[in-house]
Amino acid sequence: MDEIPGETGTVSWWTVSINGRDGRRDVALCTLARQAICSGRLPRRDPDRTWGSNGAGAPCAVCGRPITPDHVKYTVQFDQAGWGASVDRFQLHLRCFAAWEMERTQL
């Protein structure tokens, strides 16, 4: 997979780098985020609620790796409309959240 110059994704009021250690855009992470959106595993629309906390070992909705207590976990909530509506919640690493934010706004 070719890499392109790095980018950043805006998360709330600060900017999070989605670049790899070499300073180039983490194409693999962005590809995983795009695949999660295109497959329907993650919605493309704005979440109804977003909050952060420490991870507890649950898998990330983008990369599938555990979100350990030493990492920030972002939870995004999507309310479903209609009678008996449910709530969908997804947990993501901070960098995975930034990649999802960037990819969903570019599709």
Protein backbone atom coordinates (compact mmCIF):
# COMPACT_ATOMS: atom_id res chain seq x y z
CA MET A 1 0.00 0.00 0.00
CA ASP A 2 1.42 3.39 -0.96
CA GLU A 3 1.57 6.10 1.63
CA ILE A 4 0.71 9.72 0.97
CA PRO A 5 1.84 12.78 2.92
CA GLY A 6 0.47 12.92 6.45
CA GLU A 7 -2.77 14.48 7.56
CA THR A 8 -4.48 15.23 10.80
CA GLY A 9 -8.06 14.73 11.86
CA THR A 10 -9.87 17.22 14.08
CA VAL A 11 -11.38 15.67 17.18
CA SER A 12 -13.53 18.00 19.24
CA TRP A 13 -11.37 20.98 20.12
CA TRP A 14 -7.92 19.59 19.38
CA THR A 15 -6.12 17.95 16.50
CA VAL A 16 -4.99 14.32 16.55
CA SER A 17 -2.34 13.05 14.17
CA ILE A 18 -3.23 10.01 12.09
CA ASN A 19 0.32 9.84 10.86
CA GLY A 20 2.62 6.90 11.36
CA ARG A 21 5.93 7.16 13.19
CA ASP A 22 7.67 8.19 9.97
CA GLY A 23 5.42 11.26 9.66
CA ARG A 24 3.41 9.89 6.76
CA ARG A 25 -0.33 9.28 6.78
CA ASP A 26 -1.24 5.93 8.31
CA VAL A 27 -2.91 4.58 5.18
CA ALA A 28 -3.65 1.20 6.76
CA LEU A 29 -5.58 2.82 9.62
CA CYS A 30 -7.52 5.07 7.24
CA THR A 31 -8.31 2.06 5.05
CA LEU A 32 -9.67 0.15 8.05
CA ALA A 33 -11.85 3.14 8.96
CA ARG A 34 -13.12 3.44 5.38
CA GLN A 35 -13.88 -0.31 5.25
CA ALA A 36 -15.81 -0.08 8.53
CA ILE A 37 -17.96 2.68 7.05
CA CYS A 38 -18.47 1.09 3.62
CA SER A 39 -19.37 -2.30 5.12
CA GLY A 40 -21.94 -0.70 7.44
CA ARG A 41 -20.10 -1.68 10.64
CA LEU A 42 -19.80 2.04 11.52
CA PRO A 43 -22.24 4.76 10.48
CA ARG A 44 -21.18 7.64 8.28
CA ARG A 45 -23.37 10.25 9.96
CA ASP A 46 -22.53 12.44 12.93
CA PRO A 47 -22.87 10.63 16.25
CA ASP A 48 -25.65 11.78 18.57
CA ARG A 49 -23.27 11.64 21.53
CA THR A 50 -19.51 11.22 21.95
CA TRP A 51 -17.45 10.84 25.10
CA GLY A 52 -14.03 9.69 26.13
CA SER A 53 -12.69 7.60 29.00
CA ASN A 54 -9.99 5.06 29.72
CA GLY A 55 -10.16 1.78 27.84
CA ALA A 56 -11.21 -1.44 29.55
CA GLY A 57 -10.08 -4.05 27.04
CA ALA A 58 -13.04 -3.94 24.63
CA PRO A 59 -12.18 -4.25 20.91
CA CYS A 60 -11.96 -1.13 18.77
CA ALA A 61 -14.68 -0.86 16.10
CA VAL A 62 -12.08 0.27 13.54
CA CYS A 63 -8.93 -1.82 14.10
CA GLY A 64 -10.30 -4.66 16.24
CA ARG A 65 -7.49 -4.44 18.80
CA PRO A 66 -8.28 -4.13 22.52
CA ILE A 67 -8.53 -0.63 23.96
CA THR A 68 -6.40 -1.06 27.06
CA PRO A 69 -6.67 1.07 30.22
CA ASP A 70 -3.57 3.06 29.24
CA HIS A 71 -5.33 4.27 26.06
CA VAL A 72 -8.14 6.76 25.57
CA LYS A 73 -11.39 5.13 24.50
CA TYR A 74 -13.86 7.17 22.50
CA THR A 75 -17.45 5.98 22.60
CA VAL A 76 -19.76 7.17 19.82
CA GLN A 77 -23.50 6.75 20.24
CA PHE A 78 -26.11 6.69 17.49
CA ASP A 79 -29.77 6.94 18.46
CA GLN A 80 -32.18 5.04 16.25
CA ALA A 81 -35.47 6.72 15.38
CA GLY A 82 -38.86 5.13 15.73
CA TRP A 83 -40.96 3.17 18.15
CA GLY A 84 -38.93 1.13 20.59
CA ALA A 85 -35.81 2.80 19.28
CA SER A 86 -32.47 1.40 20.27
CA VAL A 87 -29.05 2.94 20.75
CA ASP A 88 -25.91 1.79 18.94
CA ARG A 89 -22.61 2.44 20.71
CA PHE A 90 -19.15 1.88 19.29
CA GLN A 91 -15.80 2.11 21.07
CA LEU A 92 -12.69 3.34 19.27
CA HIS A 93 -9.06 4.20 20.04
CA LEU A 94 -8.44 7.95 19.85
CA ARG A 95 -6.41 7.63 16.60
CA CYS A 96 -9.02 5.26 15.13
CA PHE A 97 -11.72 7.79 16.02
CA ALA A 98 -9.74 10.51 14.22
CA ALA A 99 -9.32 8.28 11.14
CA TRP A 100 -13.06 7.45 11.16
CA GLU A 101 -13.92 11.16 11.46
CA MET A 102 -11.70 12.05 8.52
CA GLU A 103 -12.82 9.16 6.30
CA ARG A 104 -16.55 9.58 6.95
CA THR A 105 -16.43 13.24 5.96
CA GLN A 106 -14.57 12.43 2.72
CA LEU A 107 -16.87 9.67 1.45
